[in-house]
């Protein structure tokens, strides 16, 4: 478990600082709010979520990798009861878990109780790499619960779950990044993966736009389920991100933590 934490955190920091450099060198949009307030709140939410999950994992096997190990020991799940080549199982696991995250994301927009917590992520009035870690603790727990259920049903090898978590974290950082990708490259990438321009539409203040492009890693699910939008109606440069708040409240940690209980 210690090796997994070190590996995932190392990859996270590597990608984070690489993308931070890209944001500085090739910014896509001019940000309107002061960075320090937003970053303190977004990082604080991430630290609270990480500590909370680690505390819970000491009490019950409440981590996706631990669930995969437990499933293998007890012969639980699909892959523990059929024989497939290792690489086939690895690929199928990543694809299925990516769909599970897409579906979970979709329902957080459709079920009012879940939206109360997911709106914290969308309330960020600017969008950069720290938006990728801006989630309410309840949503993180809900997401982990969904992943654990999926892991027990699938019964994948532990390495497949670790690799998926790394891909998920990397995708989240890249999707929320504020750097420009040349249009021809962006168009080609979107055939397979979600790009920053594609995901930014999902953070539009316009309701019909933030109900599109739910994907994190693979772009195929939005195309299959007809939730894909190619460009925002007003264009990328004119599109406003965030929800209804036009002040600095979303930059405050206490406001973000308590928002679901206010409405």
C-alpha atoms as a PDB file:
ATOM      1  CA  UNK A   1       0.000   0.000   0.000  1.00  0.00           C
ATOM      2  CA  UNK A   2       2.878   2.390   0.806  1.00  0.00           C
ATOM      3  CA  UNK A   3       4.448   1.723  -2.604  1.00  0.00           C
ATOM      4  CA  UNK A   4       1.110   2.435  -4.300  1.00  0.00           C
ATOM      5  CA  UNK A   5       0.700   5.754  -2.465  1.00  0.00           C
ATOM      6  CA  UNK A   6       4.269   6.816  -3.281  1.00  0.00           C
ATOM      7  CA  UNK A   7       3.925   5.806  -6.942  1.00  0.00           C
ATOM      8  CA  UNK A   8       0.576   7.523  -7.471  1.00  0.00           C
ATOM      9  CA  UNK A   9       1.605  10.683  -5.618  1.00  0.00           C
ATOM     10  CA  UNK A  10       4.867  10.870  -7.564  1.00  0.00           C
ATOM     11  CA  UNK A  11       3.040  10.559 -10.898  1.00  0.00           C
ATOM     12  CA  UNK A  12       0.472  13.131  -9.744  1.00  0.00           C
ATOM     13  CA  UNK A  13       3.161  15.693  -8.847  1.00  0.00           C
ATOM     14  CA  UNK A  14       5.080  15.067 -12.076  1.00  0.00           C
ATOM     15  CA  UNK A  15       2.008  15.624 -14.254  1.00  0.00           C
ATOM     16  CA  UNK A  16       0.810  18.538 -12.113  1.00  0.00           C
ATOM     17  CA  UNK A  17       4.034  20.524 -12.504  1.00  0.00           C
ATOM     18  CA  UNK A  18       4.382  19.664 -16.185  1.00  0.00           C
ATOM     19  CA  UNK A  19       0.871  20.934 -16.876  1.00  0.00           C
ATOM     20  CA  UNK A  20       1.448  23.953 -14.629  1.00  0.00           C
ATOM     21  CA  UNK A  21       4.344  24.850 -16.914  1.00  0.00           C
ATOM     22  CA  UNK A  22       2.137  24.457 -19.987  1.00  0.00           C
ATOM     23  CA  UNK A  23      -0.477  26.736 -18.405  1.00  0.00           C
ATOM     24  CA  UNK A  24       2.187  29.388 -17.841  1.00  0.00           C
ATOM     25  CA  UNK A  25       3.666  29.098 -21.339  1.00  0.00           C
ATOM     26  CA  UNK A  26       0.511  28.607 -23.421  1.00  0.00           C
ATOM     27  CA  UNK A  27      -2.518  29.957 -21.524  1.00  0.00           C
ATOM     28  CA  UNK A  28      -5.870  29.326 -23.203  1.00  0.00           C
ATOM     29  CA  UNK A  29      -7.951  31.875 -21.298  1.00  0.00           C
ATOM     30  CA  UNK A  30      -7.238  34.880 -19.118  1.00  0.00           C
ATOM     31  CA  UNK A  31      -8.241  34.068 -15.540  1.00  0.00           C
ATOM     32  CA  UNK A  32     -10.353  36.633 -13.715  1.00  0.00           C
ATOM     33  CA  UNK A  33      -9.867  35.806 -10.029  1.00  0.00           C
ATOM     34  CA  UNK A  34      -6.820  35.996  -7.785  1.00  0.00           C
ATOM     35  CA  UNK A  35      -5.038  32.670  -7.846  1.00  0.00           C
ATOM     36  CA  UNK A  36      -4.030  32.496  -4.176  1.00  0.00           C
ATOM     37  CA  UNK A  37      -7.584  32.330  -2.759  1.00  0.00           C
ATOM     38  CA  UNK A  38      -8.750  29.741  -5.274  1.00  0.00           C
ATOM     39  CA  UNK A  39      -5.640  27.607  -4.882  1.00  0.00           C
ATOM     40  CA  UNK A  40      -5.774  27.604  -1.083  1.00  0.00           C
ATOM     41  CA  UNK A  41      -9.402  26.454  -1.161  1.00  0.00           C
ATOM     42  CA  UNK A  42      -8.931  23.875  -3.921  1.00  0.00           C
ATOM     43  CA  UNK A  43      -5.801  22.378  -2.349  1.00  0.00           C
ATOM     44  CA  UNK A  44      -7.415  22.395   1.100  1.00  0.00           C
ATOM     45  CA  UNK A  45     -10.364  20.396  -0.243  1.00  0.00           C
ATOM     46  CA  UNK A  46      -7.947  17.892  -1.777  1.00  0.00           C
ATOM     47  CA  UNK A  47      -5.968  17.531   1.465  1.00  0.00           C
ATOM     48  CA  UNK A  48      -9.160  17.056   3.510  1.00  0.00           C
ATOM     49  CA  UNK A  49     -10.367  14.413   1.050  1.00  0.00           C
ATOM     50  CA  UNK A  50      -7.041  12.565   1.045  1.00  0.00           C
ATOM     51  CA  UNK A  51      -6.755  12.492   4.830  1.00  0.00           C
ATOM     52  CA  UNK A  52     -10.391  11.409   5.164  1.00  0.00           C
ATOM     53  CA  UNK A  53      -9.948   8.493   2.771  1.00  0.00           C
ATOM     54  CA  UNK A  54      -6.745   7.351   4.489  1.00  0.00           C
ATOM     55  CA  UNK A  55      -8.425   7.389   7.906  1.00  0.00           C
ATOM     56  CA  UNK A  56     -11.364   5.376   6.596  1.00  0.00           C
ATOM     57  CA  UNK A  57      -9.048   2.899   4.862  1.00  0.00           C
ATOM     58  CA  UNK A  58      -7.552   2.052   8.260  1.00  0.00           C
ATOM     59  CA  UNK A  59     -10.987   0.988   9.514  1.00  0.00           C
ATOM     60  CA  UNK A  60     -12.416  -0.921   6.550  1.00  0.00           C
ATOM     61  CA  UNK A  61     -11.005  -2.023   3.178  1.00  0.00           C
ATOM     62  CA  UNK A  62     -12.259   1.216   1.694  1.00  0.00           C
ATOM     63  CA  UNK A  63      -9.821   1.661  -1.148  1.00  0.00           C
ATOM     64  CA  UNK A  64     -10.139   0.395  -4.690  1.00  0.00           C
ATOM     65  CA  UNK A  65      -6.791  -1.426  -4.662  1.00  0.00           C
ATOM     66  CA  UNK A  66      -7.545  -3.061  -1.307  1.00  0.00           C
ATOM     67  CA  UNK A  67     -10.918  -4.145  -2.715  1.00  0.00           C
ATOM     68  CA  UNK A  68      -9.178  -5.717  -5.725  1.00  0.00           C
ATOM     69  CA  UNK A  69      -6.814  -7.623  -3.434  1.00  0.00           C
ATOM     70  CA  UNK A  70      -9.684  -8.750  -1.197  1.00  0.00           C
ATOM     71  CA  UNK A  71     -11.691  -9.873  -4.238  1.00  0.00           C
ATOM     72  CA  UNK A  72      -8.763 -11.949  -5.532  1.00  0.00           C
ATOM     73  CA  UNK A  73      -8.268 -13.652  -2.160  1.00  0.00           C
ATOM     74  CA  UNK A  74     -11.952 -14.566  -1.922  1.00  0.00           C
ATOM     75  CA  UNK A  75     -12.424 -15.354  -5.634  1.00  0.00           C
ATOM     76  CA  UNK A  76     -15.002 -12.616  -6.024  1.00  0.00           C
ATOM     77  CA  UNK A  77     -15.894 -10.891  -9.276  1.00  0.00           C
ATOM     78  CA  UNK A  78     -15.956 -11.756 -12.961  1.00  0.00           C
ATOM     79  CA  UNK A  79     -12.224 -11.922 -13.694  1.00  0.00           C
ATOM     80  CA  UNK A  80     -11.507 -14.127 -10.677  1.00  0.00           C
ATOM     81  CA  UNK A  81     -13.811 -16.767 -12.117  1.00  0.00           C
ATOM     82  CA  UNK A  82     -12.868 -16.735 -15.803  1.00  0.00           C
ATOM     83  CA  UNK A  83      -9.541 -17.033 -17.597  1.00  0.00           C
ATOM     84  CA  UNK A  84      -8.379 -14.153 -19.791  1.00  0.00           C
ATOM     85  CA  UNK A  85      -4.938 -13.055 -20.986  1.00  0.00           C
ATOM     86  CA  UNK A  86      -3.408 -10.517 -18.610  1.00  0.00           C
ATOM     87  CA  UNK A  87      -3.365  -7.668 -21.143  1.00  0.00           C
ATOM     88  CA  UNK A  88      -6.974  -8.301 -22.125  1.00  0.00           C
ATOM     89  CA  UNK A  89      -8.074  -8.147 -18.501  1.00  0.00           C
ATOM     90  CA  UNK A  90      -6.022  -4.986 -17.963  1.00  0.00           C
ATOM     91  CA  UNK A  91      -7.545  -3.198 -20.971  1.00  0.00           C
ATOM     92  CA  UNK A  92     -11.123  -4.316 -20.253  1.00  0.00           C
ATOM     93  CA  UNK A  93     -10.808  -3.228 -16.610  1.00  0.00           C
ATOM     94  CA  UNK A  94      -9.624   0.266 -17.536  1.00  0.00           C
ATOM     95  CA  UNK A  95     -12.366   0.716 -20.149  1.00  0.00           C
ATOM     96  CA  UNK A  96     -15.145  -0.517 -17.850  1.00  0.00           C
ATOM     97  CA  UNK A  97     -13.974   1.536 -14.861  1.00  0.00           C
ATOM     98  CA  UNK A  98     -13.760   4.603 -17.082  1.00  0.00           C
ATOM     99  CA  UNK A  99     -17.394   4.036 -18.083  1.00  0.00           C
ATOM    100  CA  UNK A 100     -18.335   3.656 -14.405  1.00  0.00           C
ATOM    101  CA  UNK A 101     -16.773   7.056 -13.651  1.00  0.00           C
ATOM    102  CA  UNK A 102     -18.558   8.572 -16.662  1.00  0.00           C
ATOM    103  CA  UNK A 103     -21.886   7.187 -15.437  1.00  0.00           C
ATOM    104  CA  UNK A 104     -21.261   8.297 -11.863  1.00  0.00           C
ATOM    105  CA  UNK A 105     -20.462  11.794 -13.144  1.00  0.00           C
ATOM    106  CA  UNK A 106     -23.624  11.762 -15.251  1.00  0.00           C
ATOM    107  CA  UNK A 107     -25.884  10.871 -12.304  1.00  0.00           C
ATOM    108  CA  UNK A 108     -24.347  13.558 -10.070  1.00  0.00           C
ATOM    109  CA  UNK A 109     -25.843  16.051 -12.531  1.00  0.00           C
ATOM    110  CA  UNK A 110     -29.220  14.337 -12.708  1.00  0.00           C
ATOM    111  CA  UNK A 111     -29.951  13.496  -9.042  1.00  0.00           C
ATOM    112  CA  UNK A 112     -30.584  16.699  -7.034  1.00  0.00           C
ATOM    113  CA  UNK A 113     -29.097  15.370  -3.776  1.00  0.00           C
ATOM    114  CA  UNK A 114     -25.831  14.417  -5.498  1.00  0.00           C
ATOM    115  CA  UNK A 115     -25.749  17.693  -7.433  1.00  0.00           C
ATOM    116  CA  UNK A 116     -25.758  19.601  -4.131  1.00  0.00           C
ATOM    117  CA  UNK A 117     -22.254  18.251  -3.542  1.00  0.00           C
ATOM    118  CA  UNK A 118     -20.991  18.099  -7.133  1.00  0.00           C
ATOM    119  CA  UNK A 119     -21.811  21.778  -7.669  1.00  0.00           C
ATOM    120  CA  UNK A 120     -18.778  22.615  -5.484  1.00  0.00           C
ATOM    121  CA  UNK A 121     -16.613  21.416  -8.350  1.00  0.00           C
ATOM    122  CA  UNK A 122     -18.529  23.538 -10.864  1.00  0.00           C
ATOM    123  CA  UNK A 123     -18.675  26.661  -8.705  1.00  0.00           C
ATOM    124  CA  UNK A 124     -15.030  27.507  -9.445  1.00  0.00           C
ATOM    125  CA  UNK A 125     -15.292  30.748 -11.438  1.00  0.00           C
ATOM    126  CA  UNK A 126     -11.945  30.192 -13.128  1.00  0.00           C
ATOM    127  CA  UNK A 127     -10.672  26.886 -14.422  1.00  0.00           C
ATOM    128  CA  UNK A 128      -7.144  25.537 -14.156  1.00  0.00           C
ATOM    129  CA  UNK A 129      -5.346  22.440 -12.894  1.00  0.00           C
ATOM    130  CA  UNK A 130      -6.474  23.002  -9.292  1.00  0.00           C
ATOM    131  CA  UNK A 131     -10.120  22.724 -10.384  1.00  0.00           C
ATOM    132  CA  UNK A 132      -9.295  19.042 -10.919  1.00  0.00           C
ATOM    133  CA  UNK A 133      -8.928  18.557  -7.143  1.00  0.00           C
ATOM    134  CA  UNK A 134     -11.859  20.763  -6.102  1.00  0.00           C
ATOM    135  CA  UNK A 135     -14.422  18.254  -4.800  1.00  0.00           C
ATOM    136  CA  UNK A 136     -16.561  18.110  -1.695  1.00  0.00           C
ATOM    137  CA  UNK A 137     -15.478  15.313   0.724  1.00  0.00           C
ATOM    138  CA  UNK A 138     -18.912  13.664   0.477  1.00  0.00           C
ATOM    139  CA  UNK A 139     -18.559  13.352  -3.295  1.00  0.00           C
ATOM    140  CA  UNK A 140     -15.110  11.803  -2.927  1.00  0.00           C
ATOM    141  CA  UNK A 141     -16.526   9.198  -0.521  1.00  0.00           C
ATOM    142  CA  UNK A 142     -19.428   8.524  -2.889  1.00  0.00           C
ATOM    143  CA  UNK A 143     -17.046   8.129  -5.821  1.00  0.00           C
ATOM    144  CA  UNK A 144     -14.804   5.746  -3.889  1.00  0.00           C
ATOM    145  CA  UNK A 145     -17.828   3.667  -2.887  1.00  0.00           C
ATOM    146  CA  UNK A 146     -18.905   3.353  -6.530  1.00  0.00           C
ATOM    147  CA  UNK A 147     -15.395   2.318  -7.593  1.00  0.00           C
ATOM    148  CA  UNK A 148     -15.163  -0.286  -4.840  1.00  0.00           C
ATOM    149  CA  UNK A 149     -18.509  -1.785  -5.843  1.00  0.00           C
ATOM    150  CA  UNK A 150     -17.331  -1.950  -9.470  1.00  0.00           C
ATOM    151  CA  UNK A 151     -14.038  -3.580  -8.425  1.00  0.00           C
ATOM    152  CA  UNK A 152     -15.824  -6.285  -6.429  1.00  0.00           C
ATOM    153  CA  UNK A 153     -18.108  -6.997  -9.390  1.00  0.00           C
ATOM    154  CA  UNK A 154     -15.211  -7.149 -11.869  1.00  0.00           C
ATOM    155  CA  UNK A 155     -12.538  -8.762  -9.670  1.00  0.00           C
ATOM    156  CA  UNK A 156      -9.605  -7.266 -11.629  1.00  0.00           C
ATOM    157  CA  UNK A 157      -5.913  -7.682 -10.842  1.00  0.00           C
ATOM    158  CA  UNK A 158      -4.567  -5.067  -8.431  1.00  0.00           C
ATOM    159  CA  UNK A 159      -2.193  -3.544 -10.994  1.00  0.00           C
ATOM    160  CA  UNK A 160      -5.130  -2.787 -13.292  1.00  0.00           C
ATOM    161  CA  UNK A 161      -6.845  -0.762 -10.563  1.00  0.00           C
ATOM    162  CA  UNK A 162      -3.644   1.133  -9.712  1.00  0.00           C
ATOM    163  CA  UNK A 163      -3.064   1.916 -13.400  1.00  0.00           C
ATOM    164  CA  UNK A 164      -6.655   3.090 -13.788  1.00  0.00           C
ATOM    165  CA  UNK A 165      -6.333   5.412 -10.765  1.00  0.00           C
ATOM    166  CA  UNK A 166      -3.159   6.913 -12.263  1.00  0.00           C
ATOM    167  CA  UNK A 167      -4.917   7.434 -15.626  1.00  0.00           C
ATOM    168  CA  UNK A 168      -7.949   8.956 -13.885  1.00  0.00           C
ATOM    169  CA  UNK A 169      -5.818  11.410 -11.882  1.00  0.00           C
ATOM    170  CA  UNK A 170      -3.732  12.354 -14.909  1.00  0.00           C
ATOM    171  CA  UNK A 171      -6.838  12.836 -17.055  1.00  0.00           C
ATOM    172  CA  UNK A 172      -8.457  15.070 -14.447  1.00  0.00           C
ATOM    173  CA  UNK A 173      -5.383  17.330 -14.318  1.00  0.00           C
ATOM    174  CA  UNK A 174      -5.107  17.555 -18.100  1.00  0.00           C
ATOM    175  CA  UNK A 175      -8.848  18.060 -18.669  1.00  0.00           C
ATOM    176  CA  UNK A 176      -9.046  21.042 -16.348  1.00  0.00           C
ATOM    177  CA  UNK A 177      -5.804  22.655 -17.481  1.00  0.00           C
ATOM    178  CA  UNK A 178      -5.790  26.161 -18.888  1.00  0.00           C
ATOM    179  CA  UNK A 179      -3.408  25.668 -21.791  1.00  0.00           C
ATOM    180  CA  UNK A 180      -3.976  25.896 -25.522  1.00  0.00           C
ATOM    181  CA  UNK A 181      -3.733  22.890 -27.836  1.00  0.00           C
ATOM    182  CA  UNK A 182      -3.660  23.599 -31.598  1.00  0.00           C
ATOM    183  CA  UNK A 183      -7.074  22.838 -33.085  1.00  0.00           C
ATOM    184  CA  UNK A 184      -5.937  20.057 -35.482  1.00  0.00           C
ATOM    185  CA  UNK A 185      -4.215  18.236 -32.607  1.00  0.00           C
ATOM    186  CA  UNK A 186      -7.189  18.788 -30.297  1.00  0.00           C
ATOM    187  CA  UNK A 187      -9.554  17.413 -32.949  1.00  0.00           C
ATOM    188  CA  UNK A 188      -7.427  14.287 -33.397  1.00  0.00           C
ATOM    189  CA  UNK A 189      -7.032  13.696 -29.661  1.00  0.00           C
ATOM    190  CA  UNK A 190     -10.788  13.970 -29.084  1.00  0.00           C
ATOM    191  CA  UNK A 191     -11.362  10.882 -31.173  1.00  0.00           C
ATOM    192  CA  UNK A 192      -9.967   8.913 -28.218  1.00  0.00           C
ATOM    193  CA  UNK A 193      -9.485  11.053 -25.120  1.00  0.00           C
ATOM    194  CA  UNK A 194     -11.050  14.075 -23.460  1.00  0.00           C
ATOM    195  CA  UNK A 195      -9.138  17.329 -24.054  1.00  0.00           C
ATOM    196  CA  UNK A 196      -9.161  20.580 -22.026  1.00  0.00           C
ATOM    197  CA  UNK A 197     -11.287  22.370 -24.664  1.00  0.00           C
ATOM    198  CA  UNK A 198     -13.793  19.517 -24.660  1.00  0.00           C
ATOM    199  CA  UNK A 199     -14.100  19.354 -20.881  1.00  0.00           C
ATOM    200  CA  UNK A 200     -14.156  23.127 -20.416  1.00  0.00           C
ATOM    201  CA  UNK A 201     -17.552  23.174 -22.138  1.00  0.00           C
ATOM    202  CA  UNK A 202     -18.791  20.977 -19.293  1.00  0.00           C
ATOM    203  CA  UNK A 203     -17.903  23.809 -16.882  1.00  0.00           C
ATOM    204  CA  UNK A 204     -19.851  26.424 -18.835  1.00  0.00           C
ATOM    205  CA  UNK A 205     -22.230  28.626 -16.873  1.00  0.00           C
ATOM    206  CA  UNK A 206     -24.887  27.789 -19.501  1.00  0.00           C
ATOM    207  CA  UNK A 207     -27.008  24.929 -18.158  1.00  0.00           C
ATOM    208  CA  UNK A 208     -27.411  23.029 -21.434  1.00  0.00           C
ATOM    209  CA  UNK A 209     -23.638  23.113 -21.947  1.00  0.00           C
ATOM    210  CA  UNK A 210     -22.593  21.915 -18.496  1.00  0.00           C
ATOM    211  CA  UNK A 211     -24.878  18.929 -19.070  1.00  0.00           C
ATOM    212  CA  UNK A 212     -22.586  17.707 -21.855  1.00  0.00           C
ATOM    213  CA  UNK A 213     -19.091  16.187 -22.071  1.00  0.00           C
ATOM    214  CA  UNK A 214     -19.117  14.148 -18.855  1.00  0.00           C
ATOM    215  CA  UNK A 215     -16.051  12.076 -19.742  1.00  0.00           C
ATOM    216  CA  UNK A 216     -12.741  12.143 -17.890  1.00  0.00           C
ATOM    217  CA  UNK A 217     -10.394   9.889 -19.869  1.00  0.00           C
ATOM    218  CA  UNK A 218     -12.158   8.381 -22.884  1.00  0.00           C
ATOM    219  CA  UNK A 219     -14.312  10.610 -25.092  1.00  0.00           C
ATOM    220  CA  UNK A 220     -16.300   7.723 -26.580  1.00  0.00           C
ATOM    221  CA  UNK A 221     -19.008   7.573 -23.885  1.00  0.00           C
ATOM    222  CA  UNK A 222     -20.303  11.063 -24.620  1.00  0.00           C
ATOM    223  CA  UNK A 223     -20.510  10.225 -28.301  1.00  0.00           C
ATOM    224  CA  UNK A 224     -22.301   6.933 -27.642  1.00  0.00           C
ATOM    225  CA  UNK A 225     -24.854   8.443 -25.252  1.00  0.00           C
ATOM    226  CA  UNK A 226     -25.379  11.643 -27.239  1.00  0.00           C
ATOM    227  CA  UNK A 227     -23.980  13.978 -24.564  1.00  0.00           C
ATOM    228  CA  UNK A 228     -21.092  15.245 -26.681  1.00  0.00           C
ATOM    229  CA  UNK A 229     -20.778  18.916 -27.609  1.00  0.00           C
ATOM    230  CA  UNK A 230     -18.034  20.038 -29.936  1.00  0.00           C
ATOM    231  CA  UNK A 231     -17.884  23.761 -29.115  1.00  0.00           C
ATOM    232  CA  UNK A 232     -19.670  26.153 -26.750  1.00  0.00           C
ATOM    233  CA  UNK A 233     -22.258  28.342 -28.448  1.00  0.00           C
ATOM    234  CA  UNK A 234     -20.320  31.533 -27.728  1.00  0.00           C
ATOM    235  CA  UNK A 235     -16.882  30.106 -28.470  1.00  0.00           C
ATOM    236  CA  UNK A 236     -14.121  29.108 -26.049  1.00  0.00           C
ATOM    237  CA  UNK A 237     -12.789  32.615 -25.441  1.00  0.00           C
ATOM    238  CA  UNK A 238     -16.185  34.137 -24.601  1.00  0.00           C
ATOM    239  CA  UNK A 239     -17.573  31.227 -22.594  1.00  0.00           C
ATOM    240  CA  UNK A 240     -18.015  31.863 -18.852  1.00  0.00           C
ATOM    241  CA  UNK A 241     -17.250  29.030 -16.459  1.00  0.00           C
ATOM    242  CA  UNK A 242     -18.762  28.473 -13.032  1.00  0.00           C
ATOM    243  CA  UNK A 243     -22.357  28.656 -11.870  1.00  0.00           C
ATOM    244  CA  UNK A 244     -24.466  31.565 -10.633  1.00  0.00           C
ATOM    245  CA  UNK A 245     -22.013  33.204  -8.229  1.00  0.00           C
ATOM    246  CA  UNK A 246     -20.292  36.323  -9.500  1.00  0.00           C
ATOM    247  CA  UNK A 247     -18.432  37.239  -6.302  1.00  0.00           C
ATOM    248  CA  UNK A 248     -15.451  35.725  -4.462  1.00  0.00           C
ATOM    249  CA  UNK A 249     -17.478  33.325  -2.281  1.00  0.00           C
ATOM    250  CA  UNK A 250     -16.421  30.201  -4.258  1.00  0.00           C
ATOM    251  CA  UNK A 251     -12.781  30.913  -3.330  1.00  0.00           C
ATOM    252  CA  UNK A 252     -13.507  30.435   0.398  1.00  0.00           C
ATOM    253  CA  UNK A 253     -13.046  26.977   1.940  1.00  0.00           C
ATOM    254  CA  UNK A 254     -15.848  27.300   4.516  1.00  0.00           C
ATOM    255  CA  UNK A 255     -18.281  28.426   1.812  1.00  0.00           C
ATOM    256  CA  UNK A 256     -17.392  25.426  -0.377  1.00  0.00           C
ATOM    257  CA  UNK A 257     -17.760  22.907   2.455  1.00  0.00           C
ATOM    258  CA  UNK A 258     -21.118  24.300   3.627  1.00  0.00           C
ATOM    259  CA  UNK A 259     -22.727  25.097   0.263  1.00  0.00           C
ATOM    260  CA  UNK A 260     -24.585  21.733  -0.085  1.00  0.00           C
ATOM    261  CA  UNK A 261     -26.359  22.370   3.198  1.00  0.00           C
ATOM    262  CA  UNK A 262     -27.542  25.877   2.252  1.00  0.00           C
ATOM    263  CA  UNK A 263     -29.849  24.972  -0.634  1.00  0.00           C
END
